Amino acid sequence: MEPFSLPYFYYGLCILLPIIFHAIFFRGKAGPRLPPGPWQLPLIGSLHHLLGKLPHHVMRDLSQRHGPLMQLRICERVAFVVSSAEIAREIFKGHGTAFEQRPTVSIIDDMYSEHGMSVMFSPYGEHWRQLRRILVTELLGARRVEAFRRIREEEAARLVSLIASSPPGQLVNVSELLAEFVADSAVRAIYGDRLPNRDVYLKTRETGTDFSAIFDLRDIFPSSRLLRMLPRNKKGQRHFQEVSRIIDEILRHREERSAAGDDGGGDQDMISVLLRMQKDSSAVPAVSLSPGIIKSVVTEMFGGALDTTTATLQWTMAELMANPRAMEKAQLEIRRVLAGQERVQEAALGGMHYLKAVIKETLRLHPPTALVSRLCLQHGQKVQGYDVPHGTVIMTNVWAISRDPKYWRDPDSFMPERFEGEGALDIGGSDFNFTPFGSGRRVCPGIDFSEANIQIALASLLYHFDWELPPGVKEEGIDMTESFGVTAKRKAELLLHPIPRIAVV
């Protein structure tokens, strides 16, 4: 047999040439160019990397190996995880409205399906813009927040009175007291009065929120008709229905008061504003404020006010107890500014610059929403040269960016001083290495409302009391474990011993 046969050479050439031609001229056209990511399993994709752990922690660890723009395939869903301030800026500033839609969450859809479209998850468009305008200008703007000053001052004074009345030497549950303060302050601003069954509502809502953080199979297998036909999680549904019943009761009572001539003291509560706008069709010409829409707005205002504000207050007190030098510095400032005053007045908060830095540092270490998700619903989008397929979920890891040594010196340390002077970054989402309330057009509309409650509560606790840890607990032994949920909350309750310093009048 000859070592080389010409006919075989031609046959081989005829086979290889089309392959080479295709490789040269059609390279990259077989599918989209996607960013790198961890190894995947059939059917579930990258899901196994996330199970049993806090997702934003795992994603940070994975991104350190695969890059600041990383692909995860969660069953049928494709997700890009962003762990870089520069890429986050490109997404929210360089693509118009391409990434302004929130992904659908089936369990949230179940909750709102009976009474109208959710503001938070409604599609980007005229309906959403009009509802957002109502929130920003009529309900949560600076003028409205200022109108609630008296409520915040009264509830802060009530908070310190409750602590002062506790038996000497007894530990107080600071986590519980702060949650009650936020609930009473928020409910009075929204409804005009305290909630009679507040404790039931708080417990029910907390459980329902935990359910909404669980992966719903309908969301990660969206093509499955069978999953959409299966019964819903009965326990989760019961909790959502109980929350819905309580909101119905609140709205009914407020409507009865309005019918009796109580207008909320000249629109001093948010529901009265919505009811007035409902009657005045010229106030919101592009959207109908149906009873269902009003219920959706009120439900989301309760949730947003309670979750974010409570979590931040609890984390801040825990961080101050773990960092006594920062606690001492904050108390010295507060007591200097308020010297001789019987209680905290909001007018004095403007001079408490270190307190504001403490709050910002807490938000950096413990952003309320660790992962901010958006949905790409426009074709032909590219990020960092990678294709973004239609339907891709973009997940910005706010927690990872806030702890990246690229942007922060000694990032895991509690150092409020980094936010003083030239380091005083904007809290509203314009600095993409610090976006605790999100960024873009869907940035949280309640920043001013939340910040006002946080500042007066903290100033009151630190002005009137010194604080000690339970016997045997050292600063380094404080449990800073984070619980899994929609909001990044503390897992353990904070029990402290208050020592009165400034008499409570």
Protein backbone atom coordinates (compact mmCIF):
# COMPACT_ATOMS: atom_id res chain seq x y z
CA MET A 1 0.00 0.00 0.00
CA GLU A 2 1.38 3.42 -0.95
CA PRO A 3 2.15 5.75 1.94
CA PHE A 4 0.27 8.59 0.23
CA SER A 5 -2.67 8.29 -2.14
CA LEU A 6 -3.79 11.34 -4.14
CA PRO A 7 -7.50 10.35 -4.34
CA TYR A 8 -7.67 9.98 -0.56
CA PHE A 9 -6.06 13.41 -0.23
CA TYR A 10 -8.78 14.99 -2.40
CA TYR A 11 -11.51 13.17 -0.51
CA GLY A 12 -10.13 14.47 2.79
CA LEU A 13 -9.80 17.97 1.39
CA CYS A 14 -13.44 17.94 0.28
CA ILE A 15 -14.48 17.09 3.82
CA LEU A 16 -12.16 19.53 5.63
CA LEU A 17 -12.66 22.61 3.44
CA PRO A 18 -16.34 23.18 4.35
CA ILE A 19 -15.50 22.71 8.05
CA ILE A 20 -12.65 25.24 7.85
CA PHE A 21 -14.80 27.66 5.84
CA HIS A 22 -17.60 27.42 8.40
CA ALA A 23 -15.21 27.90 11.31
CA ILE A 24 -13.74 31.07 9.72
CA PHE A 25 -16.85 32.79 8.40
CA PHE A 26 -19.53 31.65 10.84
CA ARG A 27 -17.56 31.64 14.06
CA GLY A 28 -19.65 33.12 16.89
CA LYS A 29 -22.89 32.97 14.86
CA ALA A 30 -24.02 29.66 16.25
CA GLY A 31 -25.14 31.28 19.51
CA PRO A 32 -24.78 34.36 21.67
CA ARG A 33 -21.45 35.26 23.25
CA LEU A 34 -22.05 34.85 26.96
CA PRO A 35 -19.83 35.68 29.95
CA PRO A 36 -18.03 32.91 31.83
CA GLY A 37 -19.55 31.12 34.78
CA PRO A 38 -19.25 28.10 37.05
CA TRP A 39 -19.78 24.54 35.86
CA GLN A 40 -23.36 23.43 35.35
CA LEU A 41 -25.40 20.28 35.76
CA PRO A 42 -28.07 19.03 33.36
CA LEU A 43 -31.55 20.44 33.97
CA ILE A 44 -30.71 22.56 37.06
CA GLY A 45 -27.72 24.42 35.59
CA SER A 46 -25.90 26.41 38.30
CA LEU A 47 -28.58 26.02 40.96
CA HIS A 48 -26.56 23.57 43.05
CA HIS A 49 -23.96 26.29 43.73
CA LEU A 50 -26.58 28.39 45.53
CA LEU A 51 -28.46 25.86 47.62
CA GLY A 52 -28.11 26.05 51.38
CA LYS A 53 -26.11 29.30 51.35
CA LEU A 54 -26.75 33.03 51.22
CA PRO A 55 -26.91 33.71 47.45
CA HIS A 56 -25.05 37.03 47.49
CA HIS A 57 -22.19 35.49 49.49
CA VAL A 58 -21.86 32.56 47.06
CA MET A 59 -22.09 34.85 44.04
CA ARG A 60 -19.31 37.04 45.41
CA ASP A 61 -17.08 33.99 45.86
CA LEU A 62 -17.89 32.68 42.38
CA SER A 63 -17.29 36.08 40.76
CA GLN A 64 -13.81 36.19 42.26
CA ARG A 65 -13.03 33.12 40.14
CA HIS A 66 -15.09 33.87 37.02
CA GLY A 67 -15.05 37.66 36.77
CA PRO A 68 -17.19 40.70 37.62
CA LEU A 69 -19.73 39.77 34.93
CA MET A 70 -20.66 36.14 35.40
CA GLN A 71 -23.29 33.88 33.90
CA LEU A 72 -25.47 31.60 36.01
CA ARG A 73 -28.06 29.28 34.52
CA ILE A 74 -30.74 28.60 37.11
CA CYS A 75 -32.73 25.80 35.50
CA GLU A 76 -34.36 27.52 32.49
CA ARG A 77 -33.41 31.03 33.57
CA VAL A 78 -30.23 32.75 32.39
CA ALA A 79 -28.84 35.27 34.86
CA PHE A 80 -25.87 37.64 34.60
CA VAL A 81 -24.36 38.52 37.98
CA VAL A 82 -22.72 41.97 38.18
CA SER A 83 -20.06 42.46 40.86
CA SER A 84 -18.45 45.66 39.59
CA ALA A 85 -19.47 49.31 40.02
CA GLU A 86 -18.26 50.09 36.49
CA ILE A 87 -20.43 47.40 34.91
CA ALA A 88 -23.40 48.43 37.07
CA ARG A 89 -22.98 51.99 35.80
CA GLU A 90 -22.89 50.76 32.19
CA ILE A 91 -26.11 48.79 32.70
CA PHE A 92 -28.11 51.50 34.43
CA LYS A 93 -26.69 54.53 32.61
CA GLY A 94 -25.76 53.28 29.16
CA HIS A 95 -28.79 51.30 28.01
CA GLY A 96 -31.76 53.63 28.40
CA THR A 97 -34.77 51.66 29.63
CA ALA A 98 -33.50 48.25 28.47
CA PHE A 99 -32.93 47.06 32.05
CA GLU A 100 -35.71 48.88 33.93
CA GLN A 101 -38.08 45.92 34.27
CA ARG A 102 -38.12 43.79 37.41
CA PRO A 103 -38.31 40.01 36.94
CA THR A 104 -41.64 38.36 37.61
CA VAL A 105 -41.96 36.68 40.99
CA SER A 106 -44.86 34.24 40.91
CA ILE A 107 -45.60 34.28 44.63
CA ILE A 108 -45.82 38.10 44.50
CA ASP A 109 -48.13 37.85 41.50
CA ASP A 110 -50.32 35.51 43.53
CA MET A 111 -50.46 38.06 46.32
CA TYR A 112 -51.50 40.95 44.07
CA SER A 113 -53.64 39.08 41.54
CA GLU A 114 -56.83 39.71 43.51
CA HIS A 115 -56.60 43.46 43.93
CA GLY A 116 -54.52 45.04 41.22
CA MET A 117 -51.08 45.53 39.77
CA SER A 118 -48.08 45.79 42.06
CA VAL A 119 -46.22 49.08 41.82
CA MET A 120 -42.88 47.45 42.48
CA PHE A 121 -43.23 44.74 39.84
CA SER A 122 -45.46 46.44 37.27
CA PRO A 123 -43.97 46.67 33.75
CA TYR A 124 -42.00 49.76 32.88
CA GLY A 125 -44.44 52.06 31.08
CA GLU A 126 -46.97 54.84 31.56
CA HIS A 127 -48.91 53.05 34.29
CA TRP A 128 -45.76 52.52 36.33
CA ARG A 129 -44.51 56.09 35.71
CA GLN A 130 -47.76 57.61 36.98
CA LEU A 131 -47.82 55.44 40.10
CA ARG A 132 -44.16 56.22 40.72
CA ARG A 133 -44.91 59.93 40.38
CA ILE A 134 -47.64 59.62 43.02
CA LEU A 135 -45.22 57.92 45.40
CA VAL A 136 -42.40 60.41 44.86
CA THR A 137 -44.35 63.68 44.76
CA GLU A 138 -47.49 63.05 46.81
CA LEU A 139 -46.64 60.38 49.40
CA LEU A 140 -42.90 60.08 50.05
CA GLY A 141 -41.40 63.38 48.88
CA ALA A 142 -39.49 65.78 51.11
CA ARG A 143 -42.56 67.94 51.80
CA ARG A 144 -44.64 64.96 52.90
CA VAL A 145 -41.81 63.48 55.00
CA GLU A 146 -41.46 66.83 56.78
CA ALA A 147 -45.20 66.79 57.51
CA PHE A 148 -44.71 63.55 59.46
CA ARG A 149 -42.04 65.05 61.75
CA ARG A 150 -44.37 65.27 64.76
CA ILE A 151 -45.28 61.59 64.40
CA ARG A 152 -41.63 60.52 64.37
CA GLU A 153 -40.77 62.67 67.38
CA GLU A 154 -43.72 61.31 69.36
CA GLU A 155 -42.93 57.70 68.52
CA ALA A 156 -39.22 58.17 69.34
CA ALA A 157 -40.19 59.65 72.72
CA ARG A 158 -42.52 56.70 73.31
CA LEU A 159 -39.69 54.31 72.43
CA VAL A 160 -37.31 55.74 75.04
CA SER A 161 -40.12 55.86 77.62
CA LEU A 162 -40.75 52.14 77.14
CA ILE A 163 -37.06 51.42 77.63
CA ALA A 164 -36.81 53.70 80.67
CA SER A 165 -39.76 51.93 82.30
CA SER A 166 -38.15 48.50 82.06
CA PRO A 167 -37.02 47.01 85.41
CA PRO A 168 -33.47 48.06 86.39
CA GLY A 169 -30.84 45.57 85.35
CA GLN A 170 -33.16 43.76 82.95
CA LEU A 171 -32.16 43.11 79.34
CA VAL A 172 -34.39 44.65 76.71
CA ASN A 173 -35.08 43.20 73.28
CA VAL A 174 -33.81 46.08 71.14
CA SER A 175 -34.68 44.28 67.90
CA GLU A 176 -38.31 43.96 68.93
CA LEU A 177 -38.60 47.52 70.23
CA LEU A 178 -37.13 48.97 67.04
CA ALA A 179 -39.51 46.92 64.88
CA GLU A 180 -42.45 48.24 66.92
CA PHE A 181 -41.19 51.82 66.65
CA VAL A 182 -40.91 51.58 62.87
CA ALA A 183 -44.33 49.95 62.56
CA ASP A 184 -46.06 52.58 64.69
CA SER A 185 -44.31 55.48 62.98
CA ALA A 186 -44.96 54.15 59.48
CA VAL A 187 -48.56 53.11 60.12
CA ARG A 188 -49.43 56.48 61.62
CA ALA A 189 -47.96 58.23 58.57
CA ILE A 190 -49.78 55.93 56.15
CA TYR A 191 -53.05 55.34 58.01
CA GLY A 192 -53.27 58.16 60.55
CA ASP A 193 -53.38 55.96 63.64
CA ARG A 194 -51.62 53.01 65.27
CA LEU A 195 -52.51 49.50 64.14
CA PRO A 196 -54.65 47.77 66.80
CA ASN A 197 -53.32 44.32 65.86
CA ARG A 198 -49.80 45.49 65.10
CA ASP A 199 -48.00 42.50 66.61
CA VAL A 200 -50.12 40.04 64.63
CA TYR A 201 -49.44 41.98 61.44
CA LEU A 202 -45.68 42.12 62.05
CA LYS A 203 -45.43 38.39 62.73
CA THR A 204 -47.66 37.43 59.82
CA ARG A 205 -45.87 39.70 57.40
CA GLU A 206 -42.43 38.50 58.48
CA THR A 207 -43.42 34.89 57.83
CA GLY A 208 -44.94 35.79 54.46
CA THR A 209 -41.78 37.66 53.48
CA ASP A 210 -39.71 34.58 54.30
CA PHE A 211 -41.88 32.56 51.91
CA SER A 212 -41.38 35.09 49.11
CA ALA A 213 -37.60 34.63 49.35
CA ILE A 214 -37.84 30.91 48.51
CA PHE A 215 -37.19 29.76 44.95
CA ASP A 216 -40.52 29.22 43.22
CA LEU A 217 -40.34 26.44 40.61
CA ARG A 218 -42.66 28.43 38.35
CA ASP A 219 -40.03 31.16 38.08
CA ILE A 220 -37.08 28.90 37.25
CA PHE A 221 -39.10 26.63 34.93
CA PRO A 222 -41.26 29.31 33.25
CA SER A 223 -42.11 27.07 30.25
CA SER A 224 -43.76 24.40 32.41
CA ARG A 225 -47.53 24.54 32.19
CA LEU A 226 -47.77 21.68 34.67
CA LEU A 227 -46.09 23.72 37.45
CA ARG A 228 -48.54 26.56 36.91
CA MET A 229 -51.43 24.13 37.35
CA LEU A 230 -50.15 22.70 40.64
CA PRO A 231 -51.58 23.98 43.93
CA ARG A 232 -49.81 26.96 45.47
CA ASN A 233 -47.89 26.78 48.73
CA LYS A 234 -50.85 26.66 51.11
CA LYS A 235 -48.96 27.90 54.15
CA GLY A 236 -47.51 30.85 52.27
CA GLN A 237 -50.90 31.65 50.78
CA ARG A 238 -52.51 31.69 54.23
CA HIS A 239 -49.98 34.24 55.46
CA PHE A 240 -50.45 36.46 52.41
CA GLN A 241 -54.22 36.24 52.79
CA GLU A 242 -53.96 37.29 56.44
CA VAL A 243 -51.83 40.31 55.46
CA SER A 244 -54.39 41.12 52.78
CA ARG A 245 -57.23 40.90 55.32
CA ILE A 246 -55.45 43.32 57.68
CA ILE A 247 -54.84 45.82 54.85
CA ASP A 248 -58.52 45.54 53.86
CA GLU A 249 -59.49 46.35 57.44
CA ILE A 250 -57.18 49.38 57.51
CA LEU A 251 -58.61 50.72 54.25
CA ARG A 252 -62.20 50.14 55.33
CA HIS A 253 -61.67 52.01 58.59
CA ARG A 254 -59.98 54.90 56.78
CA GLU A 255 -62.80 55.15 54.23
CA GLU A 256 -65.36 55.19 57.05
CA ARG A 257 -63.47 58.00 58.76
CA SER A 258 -63.32 59.94 55.48
CA ALA A 259 -67.05 59.48 54.99
CA ALA A 260 -67.58 60.88 58.49
CA GLY A 261 -65.61 64.01 57.58
CA ASP A 262 -62.18 63.03 58.92
CA ASP A 263 -59.79 63.99 56.11
CA GLY A 264 -56.70 62.95 58.04
CA GLY A 265 -56.03 66.41 59.40
CA GLY A 266 -55.59 68.02 56.00
CA ASP A 267 -54.05 65.07 54.17
CA GLN A 268 -51.73 64.24 57.07
CA ASP A 269 -51.82 60.54 56.27
CA MET A 270 -51.03 58.87 52.96
CA ILE A 271 -54.28 56.94 52.53
CA SER A 272 -56.29 60.14 52.75
CA VAL A 273 -54.15 61.55 49.93
CA LEU A 274 -54.87 58.50 47.77
CA LEU A 275 -58.61 58.65 48.51
CA ARG A 276 -58.67 62.35 47.56
CA MET A 277 -56.81 61.65 44.32
CA GLN A 278 -59.18 58.79 43.57
CA LYS A 279 -62.10 61.21 43.63
CA ASP A 280 -60.22 63.84 41.58
CA SER A 281 -59.70 62.25 38.15
CA SER A 282 -57.65 65.25 36.99
CA ALA A 283 -54.98 64.49 39.62
CA VAL A 284 -53.77 61.36 37.83
CA PRO A 285 -55.18 61.48 34.30
CA ALA A 286 -53.14 58.54 32.96
CA VAL A 287 -53.98 55.99 35.66
CA SER A 288 -57.15 54.92 37.41
CA LEU A 289 -56.75 54.72 41.19
CA SER A 290 -59.06 51.78 41.61
CA PRO A 291 -59.54 50.26 45.09
CA GLY A 292 -57.24 47.43 43.99
CA ILE A 293 -54.46 49.81 42.95
CA ILE A 294 -54.78 51.75 46.22
CA LYS A 295 -54.52 48.49 48.15
CA SER A 296 -51.39 47.54 46.20
CA VAL A 297 -49.78 50.92 46.90
CA VAL A 298 -50.60 50.76 50.62
CA THR A 299 -49.40 47.16 50.93
CA GLU A 300 -46.06 47.99 49.33
CA MET A 301 -45.60 51.15 51.39
CA PHE A 302 -46.10 49.15 54.59
CA GLY A 303 -43.65 46.51 53.43
CA GLY A 304 -40.99 48.91 52.20
CA ALA A 305 -41.13 51.09 55.30
CA LEU A 306 -41.03 48.20 57.76
CA ASP A 307 -38.44 45.88 56.22
CA THR A 308 -35.70 48.27 55.16
CA THR A 309 -35.88 50.67 58.10
CA THR A 310 -36.13 47.99 60.78
CA ALA A 311 -33.25 45.96 59.39
CA THR A 312 -30.98 49.02 59.13
CA LEU A 313 -31.75 50.15 62.69
CA GLN A 314 -31.04 46.69 64.10
CA TRP A 315 -27.78 46.32 62.17
CA THR A 316 -26.64 49.80 63.22
CA MET A 317 -27.14 49.13 66.93
CA ALA A 318 -25.34 45.79 66.58
CA GLU A 319 -22.39 47.37 64.77
CA LEU A 320 -22.11 50.14 67.36
CA MET A 321 -22.08 47.56 70.17
CA ALA A 322 -19.36 45.64 68.34
CA ASN A 323 -17.35 48.85 67.83
CA PRO A 324 -17.31 50.77 71.15
CA ARG A 325 -15.05 53.53 69.81
CA ALA A 326 -17.64 54.41 67.15
CA MET A 327 -20.39 54.21 69.77
CA GLU A 328 -18.55 56.63 72.04
CA LYS A 329 -17.89 59.06 69.21
CA ALA A 330 -21.54 58.99 68.09
CA GLN A 331 -22.83 59.56 71.64
CA LEU A 332 -20.43 62.44 72.25
CA GLU A 333 -21.65 64.17 69.10
CA ILE A 334 -25.33 63.62 69.87
CA ARG A 335 -25.03 64.80 73.48
CA ARG A 336 -23.03 67.84 72.43
CA VAL A 337 -25.60 68.87 69.82
CA LEU A 338 -28.55 68.22 72.16
CA ALA A 339 -26.95 69.52 75.35
CA GLY A 340 -29.62 70.54 77.85
CA GLN A 341 -32.58 69.32 75.79
CA GLU A 342 -35.17 66.98 77.27
CA ARG A 343 -35.63 64.91 74.11
CA VAL A 344 -34.46 64.61 70.52
CA GLN A 345 -35.96 67.13 68.12
CA GLU A 346 -35.53 66.59 64.39
CA ALA A 347 -34.35 70.15 63.90
CA ALA A 348 -31.10 69.19 65.66
CA LEU A 349 -30.35 66.14 63.49
CA GLY A 350 -28.71 68.29 60.81
CA GLY A 351 -25.73 68.84 63.10
CA MET A 352 -25.14 65.11 63.70
CA HIS A 353 -22.72 64.42 60.85
CA TYR A 354 -21.00 61.44 62.43
CA LEU A 355 -24.36 59.78 63.15
CA LYS A 356 -25.18 60.03 59.45
CA ALA A 357 -21.80 58.52 58.61
CA VAL A 358 -22.56 55.64 61.01
CA ILE A 359 -25.83 54.96 59.19
CA LYS A 360 -24.13 55.03 55.79
CA GLU A 361 -21.41 52.67 56.95
CA THR A 362 -24.07 50.27 58.21
CA LEU A 363 -25.85 50.44 54.86
CA ARG A 364 -22.56 49.72 53.11
CA LEU A 365 -21.88 46.60 55.17
CA HIS A 366 -25.52 45.50 55.31
CA PRO A 367 -27.44 46.81 52.29
CA PRO A 368 -31.15 46.02 52.82
CA THR A 369 -31.44 44.55 49.33
CA ALA A 370 -28.23 42.63 48.71
CA LEU A 371 -29.16 41.63 45.16
CA VAL A 372 -30.92 44.08 42.83
CA SER A 373 -32.55 42.25 39.92
CA ARG A 374 -33.62 43.54 36.52
CA LEU A 375 -34.95 41.84 33.42
CA CYS A 376 -33.75 42.44 29.86
CA LEU A 377 -36.77 42.71 27.57
CA GLN A 378 -35.06 44.35 24.59
CA HIS A 379 -33.22 42.44 21.89
CA GLY A 380 -29.68 43.20 20.75
CA GLN A 381 -28.29 44.39 24.09
CA LYS A 382 -24.59 44.00 24.89
CA VAL A 383 -22.72 44.47 28.17
CA GLN A 384 -18.91 44.43 28.24
CA GLY A 385 -18.98 42.97 24.73
CA TYR A 386 -21.18 40.03 25.76
CA ASP A 387 -24.62 39.40 24.30
CA VAL A 388 -27.56 39.75 26.68
CA PRO A 389 -30.31 37.43 25.43
CA HIS A 390 -33.91 38.55 25.69
CA GLY A 391 -35.29 37.46 29.08
CA THR A 392 -31.94 37.48 30.88
CA VAL A 393 -32.10 38.42 34.56
CA ILE A 394 -29.41 40.96 35.55
CA MET A 395 -28.49 40.61 39.22
CA THR A 396 -26.33 43.39 40.68
CA ASN A 397 -24.58 42.13 43.80
CA VAL A 398 -24.79 45.31 45.85
CA TRP A 399 -23.39 43.50 48.90
CA ALA A 400 -20.28 42.32 47.03
CA ILE A 401 -19.57 45.74 45.49
CA SER A 402 -19.96 47.37 48.92
CA ARG A 403 -17.24 45.08 50.32
CA ASP A 404 -14.85 45.12 47.35
CA PRO A 405 -11.30 46.24 48.32
CA LYS A 406 -11.10 47.86 44.90
CA TYR A 407 -13.45 50.58 46.15
CA TRP A 408 -13.08 50.42 49.93
CA ARG A 409 -10.06 50.37 52.22
CA ASP A 410 -10.30 47.58 54.79
CA PRO A 411 -13.78 46.77 53.45
CA ASP A 412 -14.95 44.38 56.17
CA SER A 413 -14.23 46.83 59.00
CA PHE A 414 -16.80 49.22 60.46
CA MET A 415 -15.30 52.66 59.74
CA PRO A 416 -17.89 55.49 59.61
CA GLU A 417 -15.06 57.97 59.08
CA ARG A 418 -14.83 56.85 55.45
CA PHE A 419 -18.11 58.75 54.84
CA GLU A 420 -16.97 62.02 56.40
CA GLY A 421 -15.73 65.01 54.40
CA GLU A 422 -14.89 64.18 50.80
CA GLY A 423 -15.99 60.57 51.33
CA ALA A 424 -19.64 61.55 51.88
CA LEU A 425 -21.11 59.55 48.99
CA ASP A 426 -24.67 60.04 47.81
CA ILE A 427 -27.11 57.52 49.26
CA GLY A 428 -29.52 57.78 46.33
CA GLY A 429 -27.81 55.51 43.81
CA SER A 430 -25.64 57.91 41.78
CA ASP A 431 -22.39 56.43 43.19
CA PHE A 432 -22.40 52.89 41.88
CA ASN A 433 -19.99 51.52 44.47
CA PHE A 434 -22.59 52.48 47.11
CA THR A 435 -26.20 51.75 46.12
CA PRO A 436 -27.98 50.43 49.26
CA PHE A 437 -31.37 51.54 47.95
CA GLY A 438 -30.82 50.52 44.34
CA SER A 439 -30.17 52.74 41.34
CA GLY A 440 -31.65 53.80 38.05
CA ARG A 441 -35.28 54.75 37.49
CA ARG A 442 -36.46 52.14 40.00
CA VAL A 443 -34.35 53.39 42.91
CA CYS A 444 -36.32 53.13 46.18
CA PRO A 445 -38.73 56.11 46.36
CA GLY A 446 -38.84 56.00 50.17
CA ILE A 447 -35.21 56.88 50.96
CA ASP A 448 -36.07 60.16 52.72
CA PHE A 449 -38.89 58.53 54.70
CA SER A 450 -36.68 55.66 55.86
CA GLU A 451 -33.68 57.85 56.64
CA ALA A 452 -35.74 60.23 58.80
CA ASN A 453 -37.04 57.35 60.97
CA ILE A 454 -33.57 55.79 61.28
CA GLN A 455 -31.90 59.03 62.37
CA ILE A 456 -34.36 60.04 65.09
CA ALA A 457 -34.61 56.52 66.55
CA LEU A 458 -30.83 56.11 66.78
CA ALA A 459 -30.26 59.60 68.14
CA SER A 460 -32.88 58.95 70.84
CA LEU A 461 -31.38 55.60 71.91
CA LEU A 462 -27.85 56.99 72.07
CA TYR A 463 -28.81 60.28 73.73
CA HIS A 464 -30.82 58.89 76.62
CA PHE A 465 -28.94 55.66 77.34
CA ASP A 466 -25.58 53.99 77.51
CA TRP A 467 -25.72 50.37 76.45
CA GLU A 468 -24.09 47.19 77.72
CA LEU A 469 -23.94 43.67 76.32
CA PRO A 470 -25.40 40.71 78.25
CA PRO A 471 -23.10 39.20 80.89
CA GLY A 472 -20.35 37.12 79.36
CA VAL A 473 -20.74 38.52 75.82
CA LYS A 474 -17.79 40.43 74.38
CA GLU A 475 -17.80 42.82 71.42
CA GLU A 476 -16.19 40.22 69.18
CA GLY A 477 -18.75 37.63 70.30
CA ILE A 478 -21.84 39.47 69.04
CA ASP A 479 -23.75 37.24 66.63
CA MET A 480 -23.68 39.06 63.28
CA THR A 481 -25.20 36.18 61.29
CA GLU A 482 -27.44 37.28 58.46
CA SER A 483 -30.75 35.55 57.82
CA PHE A 484 -31.92 34.47 54.38
CA GLY A 485 -34.74 36.61 53.02
CA VAL A 486 -35.82 39.36 50.66
CA THR A 487 -34.29 41.88 53.09
CA ALA A 488 -30.86 41.21 54.61
CA LYS A 489 -31.87 41.02 58.28
CA ARG A 490 -30.06 39.95 61.43
CA LYS A 491 -30.73 36.34 62.37
CA ALA A 492 -30.36 36.78 66.14
CA GLU A 493 -32.30 39.24 68.25
CA LEU A 494 -30.27 41.98 69.90
CA LEU A 495 -30.62 41.88 73.69
CA LEU A 496 -28.97 44.77 75.56
CA HIS A 497 -28.84 46.34 78.99
CA PRO A 498 -29.84 50.06 78.95
CA ILE A 499 -28.23 52.44 81.44
CA PRO A 500 -30.16 55.74 81.73
CA ARG A 501 -27.99 58.84 81.19
CA ILE A 502 -30.35 61.65 80.17
CA ALA A 503 -33.64 61.66 82.09
CA VAL A 504 -36.70 60.75 80.03
CA VAL A 505 -39.44 63.33 80.50
